[in-house]
Amino acid sequence: MLYLLASNAVHDGHMPLFNLLRYITFRAGCACLTALVISLLMGKPLIAMLRRIQRGGQPIRALGPERHLLEKTGTPTMGGVLILFSLAISVLLWGDLENGFVWAVLLTTLAFGAVGFADDYLKLSRRNTDGVSKRTRLGAEFATSLACGWYLQTLMPADVANMVAFPFVKDLLLPLGFAFPIFAMITITGFGNAVNFTDGLDGLAIVPVVIAALVFGILSYVVGNHVFADYLQVHAVPGTGELAVFCAALVGAGLGFLWFNAPPASVFMGDTGSLSLGGALGSLAVAIKHELVLCIVGGLFVVETLSVVIQVFWYKRTGRRVFLMAPIHHHFEKKGWAEPKIVIRFWIISVILGMCGLATLKLR
């Protein structure tokens, strides 16, 4: 909104200081700070309200680690509302509202958040861990992701619109044709649920999301600039530089939420937060043609998901378990690792993976 006002003011020759608002880097910094301040200011009142409304807090799985029943019972959930509110306000304030990429990613994020909100609401109202049915939930996610993939495809240059780009090798492109929206659907929905699987310990999911958002903010800025994209050997997608503002707002919102979600958590993000954050990362990756790089940067989410798939597959085949419990962070809990140790070590892994993602930018 401020970008459009600034553009009109500069065009009319008024308030030359507004020219600053035309720079993506300046607005990205402001977006990050705005989202951070909003989440910090709203955190305590929102948590207090959630405690009053939810009373017993998030239902804890009886099959989960025994310690969770003792330590986490009564903690309110749906903290993802705080992330989404601060993110949306910041993006609407500092982003270019005439940019289709911004709307595609923001609306996908909010739609996934709505699915998660419905899931959290049903769990709370029923006082168990059964939320929206898997068929309904996946159907809504697939429909949203498919629409997002199709729309993003229409915004891209024709030479890369239906292509999958490979890291490190700029000249290697896989043409998908009409199947590209399906590939986008799998990517976005897959990461939506991957973050959901990872959100099992205090602070475990939000920091890897912040790291991934920071990396994709840099990648978005590069991909959206023809000069930088050519120099760093990636495919340019005009207009995606504006997604750096979205990523910066996501970083600020995530850090603000971490203030209240750090161990011991005062609030859980719930499916409202985890599904929306995963959907945001997936749609960002599709928009800037870095879907495979997301598998590197978000490698922790991939491993968490694979641990669940392997556990279920092997148990159905043999009746035995590969891990003591899945997702894999619960395996380490069962082995006796303290929760902060698991969380911090997983954070360190995420930082390393984030640096690996940036390393895909190759100088000429």
Protein backbone atom coordinates (compact mmCIF):
# COMPACT_ATOMS: atom_id res chain seq x y z
CA MET A 1 0.00 0.00 0.00
CA LEU A 2 2.75 2.47 0.95
CA TYR A 3 4.62 1.49 -2.21
CA LEU A 4 1.68 2.58 -4.38
CA LEU A 5 1.33 5.84 -2.45
CA ALA A 6 5.04 6.49 -2.80
CA SER A 7 4.98 5.78 -6.54
CA ASN A 8 2.17 8.28 -7.05
CA ALA A 9 3.87 10.90 -4.89
CA VAL A 10 7.20 10.57 -6.70
CA HIS A 11 5.48 10.60 -10.08
CA ASP A 12 3.70 13.83 -9.19
CA GLY A 13 6.95 15.37 -7.97
CA HIS A 14 5.87 15.50 -4.32
CA MET A 15 7.79 14.33 -1.24
CA PRO A 16 11.03 13.06 -2.81
CA LEU A 17 11.77 11.19 0.47
CA PHE A 18 9.05 8.75 -0.57
CA ASN A 19 11.51 7.56 -3.21
CA LEU A 20 12.98 5.31 -0.51
CA LEU A 21 9.79 3.27 -0.56
CA ARG A 22 10.44 2.30 -4.13
CA TYR A 23 13.45 0.21 -3.05
CA ILE A 24 12.69 -3.43 -2.27
CA THR A 25 15.51 -3.68 0.27
CA PHE A 26 14.21 -0.72 2.28
CA ARG A 27 10.64 -2.02 2.30
CA ALA A 28 11.84 -5.54 3.16
CA GLY A 29 13.62 -4.22 6.24
CA CYS A 30 10.55 -2.24 7.26
CA ALA A 31 8.31 -5.25 6.67
CA CYS A 32 10.48 -7.42 8.92
CA LEU A 33 10.49 -4.83 11.69
CA THR A 34 6.74 -4.18 11.38
CA ALA A 35 5.85 -7.86 11.61
CA LEU A 36 8.20 -8.32 14.56
CA VAL A 37 6.72 -5.38 16.50
CA ILE A 38 3.12 -6.42 15.79
CA SER A 39 3.74 -9.99 16.95
CA LEU A 40 5.57 -8.89 20.09
CA LEU A 41 2.85 -6.39 21.03
CA MET A 42 -0.03 -8.76 20.32
CA GLY A 43 1.55 -11.91 21.71
CA LYS A 44 0.60 -11.61 25.39
CA PRO A 45 -3.00 -10.41 24.84
CA LEU A 46 -3.58 -13.14 22.25
CA ILE A 47 -2.16 -15.89 24.47
CA ALA A 48 -4.31 -14.67 27.38
CA MET A 49 -7.39 -14.76 25.14
CA LEU A 50 -6.54 -18.24 23.85
CA ARG A 51 -6.15 -19.50 27.43
CA ARG A 52 -9.60 -18.17 28.34
CA ILE A 53 -11.25 -19.64 25.27
CA GLN A 54 -9.48 -23.00 25.16
CA ARG A 55 -9.26 -23.70 28.89
CA GLY A 56 -7.66 -27.13 28.64
CA GLY A 57 -5.30 -26.02 25.88
CA GLN A 58 -4.19 -28.19 22.99
CA PRO A 59 -5.17 -31.87 23.29
CA ILE A 60 -2.01 -33.96 23.69
CA ARG A 61 -1.69 -37.31 21.92
CA ALA A 62 -1.88 -40.20 24.35
CA LEU A 63 0.50 -42.17 22.12
CA GLY A 64 3.11 -39.42 22.22
CA PRO A 65 6.06 -39.18 24.61
CA GLU A 66 4.86 -39.54 28.19
CA ARG A 67 6.63 -36.34 29.22
CA HIS A 68 4.38 -34.30 26.94
CA LEU A 69 1.29 -35.24 28.95
CA LEU A 70 2.92 -33.81 32.06
CA GLU A 71 4.70 -30.75 30.71
CA LYS A 72 2.59 -29.56 27.75
CA THR A 73 -0.97 -30.14 28.88
CA GLY A 74 -2.84 -26.84 29.22
CA THR A 75 -0.68 -24.92 26.74
CA PRO A 76 -2.92 -23.01 24.31
CA THR A 77 -2.67 -23.62 20.57
CA MET A 78 -3.63 -21.66 17.42
CA GLY A 79 -0.65 -19.34 17.93
CA GLY A 80 -0.31 -19.40 14.15
CA VAL A 81 -2.98 -16.70 14.13
CA LEU A 82 -0.34 -14.34 15.53
CA ILE A 83 2.08 -15.22 12.72
CA LEU A 84 -0.54 -14.85 10.00
CA PHE A 85 -1.92 -11.57 11.30
CA SER A 86 1.46 -9.86 11.65
CA LEU A 87 2.62 -11.30 8.32
CA ALA A 88 -0.48 -10.19 6.39
CA ILE A 89 -0.56 -6.68 7.85
CA SER A 90 3.12 -6.16 7.15
CA VAL A 91 2.91 -7.44 3.56
CA LEU A 92 -0.19 -5.37 2.81
CA LEU A 93 1.51 -2.30 4.27
CA TRP A 94 4.92 -2.58 2.60
CA GLY A 95 4.38 -4.80 -0.44
CA ASP A 96 3.51 -3.87 -4.00
CA LEU A 97 -0.19 -4.75 -4.14
CA GLU A 98 -0.15 -4.72 -7.93
CA ASN A 99 2.30 -7.64 -7.98
CA GLY A 100 0.62 -10.97 -8.78
CA PHE A 101 3.35 -13.05 -7.16
CA VAL A 102 2.76 -11.37 -3.80
CA TRP A 103 -0.97 -12.07 -3.93
CA ALA A 104 -0.47 -15.67 -5.03
CA VAL A 105 1.89 -16.50 -2.17
CA LEU A 106 -0.03 -14.50 0.46
CA LEU A 107 -3.44 -15.97 -0.42
CA THR A 108 -2.02 -19.50 -0.53
CA THR A 109 -0.49 -18.96 2.91
CA LEU A 110 -3.78 -17.68 4.32
CA ALA A 111 -5.77 -20.50 2.68
CA PHE A 112 -3.52 -23.14 4.24
CA GLY A 113 -3.86 -21.27 7.52
CA ALA A 114 -7.65 -21.47 7.22
CA VAL A 115 -7.47 -25.25 6.76
CA GLY A 116 -5.22 -25.50 9.80
CA PHE A 117 -7.53 -23.23 11.81
CA ALA A 118 -10.49 -25.50 11.06
CA ASP A 119 -8.42 -28.51 12.11
CA ASP A 120 -7.35 -26.88 15.38
CA TYR A 121 -10.90 -25.73 16.11
CA LEU A 122 -12.35 -29.23 15.72
CA LYS A 123 -9.63 -30.73 17.92
CA LEU A 124 -10.38 -28.20 20.66
CA SER A 125 -14.15 -28.50 20.43
CA ARG A 126 -14.03 -32.31 20.49
CA ARG A 127 -11.24 -32.37 23.10
CA ASN A 128 -9.25 -34.97 21.16
CA THR A 129 -6.65 -35.09 18.41
CA ASP A 130 -9.14 -35.81 15.62
CA GLY A 131 -9.58 -32.70 13.51
CA VAL A 132 -10.67 -32.29 9.91
CA SER A 133 -10.78 -35.62 8.06
CA LYS A 134 -7.67 -36.42 6.04
CA ARG A 135 -9.66 -36.51 2.80
CA THR A 136 -11.22 -33.09 3.36
CA ARG A 137 -7.99 -31.56 4.55
CA LEU A 138 -5.88 -32.86 1.66
CA GLY A 139 -8.63 -32.00 -0.81
CA ALA A 140 -8.60 -28.37 0.31
CA GLU A 141 -4.80 -28.25 0.25
CA PHE A 142 -4.58 -29.82 -3.21
CA ALA A 143 -7.21 -27.46 -4.63
CA THR A 144 -5.45 -24.40 -3.21
CA SER A 145 -2.01 -25.56 -4.36
CA LEU A 146 -3.23 -26.44 -7.85
CA ALA A 147 -4.83 -23.01 -8.26
CA CYS A 148 -1.65 -21.34 -6.98
CA GLY A 149 0.56 -23.34 -9.35
CA TRP A 150 -1.63 -22.54 -12.34
CA TYR A 151 -1.72 -18.82 -11.53
CA LEU A 152 2.02 -18.58 -10.90
CA GLN A 153 2.62 -20.29 -14.22
CA THR A 154 0.66 -17.54 -16.01
CA LEU A 155 2.90 -14.87 -14.42
CA MET A 156 6.20 -16.42 -15.50
CA PRO A 157 8.16 -15.89 -18.74
CA ALA A 158 7.19 -18.44 -21.38
CA ASP A 159 10.69 -19.95 -21.54
CA VAL A 160 10.60 -21.13 -17.91
CA ALA A 161 6.88 -21.20 -17.06
CA ASN A 162 6.43 -24.97 -17.34
CA MET A 163 9.98 -25.92 -16.44
CA VAL A 164 11.65 -27.35 -13.36
CA ALA A 165 15.09 -25.82 -12.84
CA PHE A 166 17.99 -27.75 -11.33
CA PRO A 167 20.47 -26.17 -8.89
CA PHE A 168 24.08 -25.67 -9.99
CA VAL A 169 23.22 -26.36 -13.67
CA LYS A 170 21.46 -23.40 -15.26
CA ASP A 171 21.11 -25.01 -18.69
CA LEU A 172 19.35 -28.11 -17.34
CA LEU A 173 15.58 -27.67 -17.41
CA LEU A 174 12.90 -30.35 -17.18
CA PRO A 175 9.80 -29.45 -19.24
CA LEU A 176 6.54 -30.51 -17.59
CA GLY A 177 4.06 -28.82 -19.90
CA PHE A 178 0.51 -29.05 -18.64
CA ALA A 179 1.70 -31.12 -15.66
CA PHE A 180 3.51 -28.18 -14.07
CA PRO A 181 0.53 -27.11 -11.87
CA ILE A 182 0.38 -30.70 -10.58
CA PHE A 183 4.08 -30.56 -9.71
CA ALA A 184 3.44 -27.24 -7.95
CA MET A 185 0.50 -28.80 -6.11
CA ILE A 186 2.66 -31.65 -4.81
CA THR A 187 5.44 -29.26 -3.79
CA ILE A 188 3.21 -26.82 -1.90
CA THR A 189 1.01 -29.43 -0.24
CA GLY A 190 4.02 -31.58 0.58
CA PHE A 191 5.84 -28.81 2.38
CA GLY A 192 2.66 -27.68 4.11
CA ASN A 193 2.42 -31.09 5.75
CA ALA A 194 6.19 -31.44 6.20
CA VAL A 195 6.29 -28.39 8.47
CA ASN A 196 3.25 -29.80 10.23
CA PHE A 197 5.13 -33.03 11.00
CA THR A 198 8.11 -31.04 12.30
CA ASP A 199 6.05 -28.97 14.71
CA GLY A 200 6.28 -31.32 17.67
CA LEU A 201 8.65 -29.62 20.13
CA ASP A 202 8.84 -26.07 21.49
CA GLY A 203 10.51 -23.84 18.91
CA LEU A 204 11.47 -26.74 16.67
CA ALA A 205 9.57 -25.72 13.51
CA ILE A 206 9.63 -21.93 13.62
CA VAL A 207 13.40 -21.39 13.50
CA PRO A 208 13.96 -23.59 10.40
CA VAL A 209 11.08 -21.70 8.77
CA VAL A 210 12.71 -18.36 9.61
CA ILE A 211 16.04 -19.58 8.20
CA ALA A 212 14.34 -20.82 5.02
CA ALA A 213 12.44 -17.53 4.68
CA LEU A 214 15.69 -15.58 5.04
CA VAL A 215 17.38 -17.69 2.35
CA PHE A 216 14.40 -17.42 0.00
CA GLY A 217 14.24 -13.69 0.58
CA ILE A 218 17.76 -13.43 -0.82
CA LEU A 219 16.96 -15.84 -3.67
CA SER A 220 13.77 -13.94 -4.54
CA TYR A 221 15.67 -10.66 -4.76
CA VAL A 222 18.28 -12.25 -7.02
CA VAL A 223 15.79 -14.07 -9.27
CA GLY A 224 13.72 -10.91 -9.68
CA ASN A 225 16.72 -8.93 -10.96
CA HIS A 226 17.97 -9.80 -14.47
CA VAL A 227 21.51 -8.53 -13.78
CA PHE A 228 21.95 -10.44 -10.52
CA ALA A 229 20.25 -13.56 -11.91
CA ASP A 230 22.56 -13.66 -14.92
CA TYR A 231 25.65 -13.03 -12.79
CA LEU A 232 24.73 -15.71 -10.27
CA GLN A 233 23.65 -18.23 -12.90
CA VAL A 234 19.95 -18.61 -12.06
CA HIS A 235 16.86 -18.13 -14.21
CA ALA A 236 15.32 -14.69 -13.92
CA VAL A 237 11.61 -14.41 -13.15
CA PRO A 238 10.63 -10.73 -13.41
CA GLY A 239 8.48 -9.50 -10.57
CA THR A 240 9.55 -12.07 -7.99
CA GLY A 241 11.94 -9.62 -6.34
CA GLU A 242 8.89 -8.26 -4.52
CA LEU A 243 8.62 -11.59 -2.69
CA ALA A 244 11.67 -10.50 -0.69
CA VAL A 245 9.26 -8.20 1.18
CA PHE A 246 7.02 -11.19 1.94
CA CYS A 247 9.99 -13.26 3.13
CA ALA A 248 11.24 -10.44 5.34
CA ALA A 249 7.79 -10.07 6.90
CA LEU A 250 7.76 -13.84 7.49
CA VAL A 251 11.14 -13.61 9.24
CA GLY A 252 9.86 -10.83 11.53
CA ALA A 253 6.60 -12.63 12.29
CA GLY A 254 8.48 -15.86 12.98
CA LEU A 255 10.95 -14.24 15.35
CA GLY A 256 8.12 -12.52 17.19
CA PHE A 257 6.31 -15.83 17.58
CA LEU A 258 9.52 -17.54 18.75
CA TRP A 259 9.62 -15.10 21.67
CA PHE A 260 6.54 -16.87 23.04
CA ASN A 261 7.20 -20.34 21.59
CA ALA A 262 10.76 -20.78 22.90
CA PRO A 263 11.09 -23.62 25.45
CA PRO A 264 9.03 -23.83 27.57
CA ALA A 265 6.40 -22.61 25.12
CA SER A 266 3.64 -20.26 26.23
CA VAL A 267 1.71 -21.08 23.06
CA PHE A 268 1.82 -23.61 20.23
CA MET A 269 1.43 -22.55 16.60
CA GLY A 270 -0.96 -25.44 15.93
CA ASP A 271 -1.94 -26.53 12.44
CA THR A 272 -2.98 -22.92 11.84
CA GLY A 273 0.67 -21.99 11.85
CA SER A 274 2.46 -25.09 10.60
CA LEU A 275 0.29 -25.67 7.52
CA SER A 276 0.35 -22.00 6.52
CA LEU A 277 4.13 -21.70 6.96
CA GLY A 278 4.75 -24.81 4.90
CA GLY A 279 2.37 -23.55 2.23
CA ALA A 280 4.21 -20.24 2.20
CA LEU A 281 7.61 -21.90 1.65
CA GLY A 282 6.24 -24.20 -1.04
CA SER A 283 4.58 -21.41 -3.00
CA LEU A 284 7.69 -19.22 -2.70
CA ALA A 285 9.82 -22.01 -4.15
CA VAL A 286 7.44 -22.53 -7.07
CA ALA A 287 7.28 -18.79 -7.79
CA ILE A 288 11.05 -18.37 -8.11
CA LYS A 289 11.74 -21.76 -9.77
CA HIS A 290 13.68 -23.09 -6.79
CA GLU A 291 11.56 -26.08 -5.82
CA LEU A 292 14.55 -28.43 -5.65
CA VAL A 293 16.57 -25.92 -3.67
CA LEU A 294 13.74 -25.89 -1.11
CA CYS A 295 14.40 -29.59 -0.60
CA ILE A 296 17.93 -28.59 0.45
CA VAL A 297 17.09 -25.53 2.54
CA GLY A 298 14.09 -27.30 4.06
CA GLY A 299 15.93 -30.58 4.34
CA LEU A 300 14.96 -30.90 7.99
CA PHE A 301 11.28 -30.91 7.00
CA VAL A 302 12.01 -33.51 4.33
CA VAL A 303 13.75 -35.81 6.82
CA GLU A 304 10.93 -35.45 9.34
CA THR A 305 8.41 -36.41 6.66
CA LEU A 306 10.48 -39.32 5.39
CA SER A 307 10.79 -40.68 8.93
CA VAL A 308 6.99 -40.85 9.14
CA VAL A 309 6.65 -42.46 5.69
CA ILE A 310 9.34 -45.04 6.45
CA GLN A 311 7.88 -45.83 9.87
CA VAL A 312 4.36 -46.36 8.55
CA PHE A 313 5.47 -48.33 5.50
CA TRP A 314 7.79 -50.66 7.42
CA TYR A 315 5.34 -51.21 10.28
CA LYS A 316 2.56 -52.21 7.87
CA ARG A 317 4.91 -54.57 6.05
CA THR A 318 6.63 -56.21 9.01
CA GLY A 319 4.85 -55.17 12.21
CA ARG A 320 8.12 -53.67 13.45
CA ARG A 321 9.29 -50.07 13.79
CA VAL A 322 12.39 -48.50 12.31
CA PHE A 323 12.35 -45.61 14.81
CA LEU A 324 11.35 -45.67 18.45
CA MET A 325 8.72 -43.08 17.46
CA ALA A 326 8.06 -40.91 14.42
CA PRO A 327 8.51 -38.12 13.41
CA ILE A 328 12.21 -38.49 14.07
CA HIS A 329 12.46 -35.80 16.78
CA HIS A 330 10.34 -38.08 19.00
CA HIS A 331 12.82 -40.90 18.32
CA PHE A 332 15.55 -38.85 19.98
CA GLU A 333 13.20 -38.03 22.86
CA LYS A 334 12.68 -41.74 23.40
CA LYS A 335 16.45 -42.21 23.41
CA GLY A 336 16.63 -39.85 26.37
CA TRP A 337 17.74 -36.61 24.72
CA ALA A 338 16.52 -33.48 26.48
CA GLU A 339 14.09 -31.38 24.45
CA PRO A 340 16.33 -28.27 24.28
CA LYS A 341 19.22 -30.40 23.00
CA ILE A 342 17.09 -31.84 20.17
CA VAL A 343 15.70 -28.43 19.24
CA ILE A 344 19.03 -26.59 19.22
CA ARG A 345 20.82 -29.32 17.28
CA PHE A 346 18.04 -29.34 14.69
CA TRP A 347 18.37 -25.54 14.48
CA ILE A 348 22.11 -25.95 13.79
CA ILE A 349 21.31 -28.43 11.01
CA SER A 350 18.86 -25.92 9.53
CA VAL A 351 21.50 -23.19 9.49
CA ILE A 352 23.90 -25.50 7.66
CA LEU A 353 21.22 -26.45 5.13
CA GLY A 354 20.38 -22.77 4.63
CA MET A 355 24.02 -22.03 3.78
CA CYS A 356 23.98 -24.97 1.35
CA GLY A 357 20.93 -23.43 -0.31
CA LEU A 358 22.73 -20.14 -0.79
CA ALA A 359 25.69 -22.02 -2.21
CA THR A 360 23.52 -22.92 -5.22
CA LEU A 361 24.08 -19.33 -6.40
CA LYS A 362 27.03 -19.84 -8.69
CA LEU A 363 29.26 -17.01 -9.84
CA ARG A 364 30.26 -16.87 -13.48
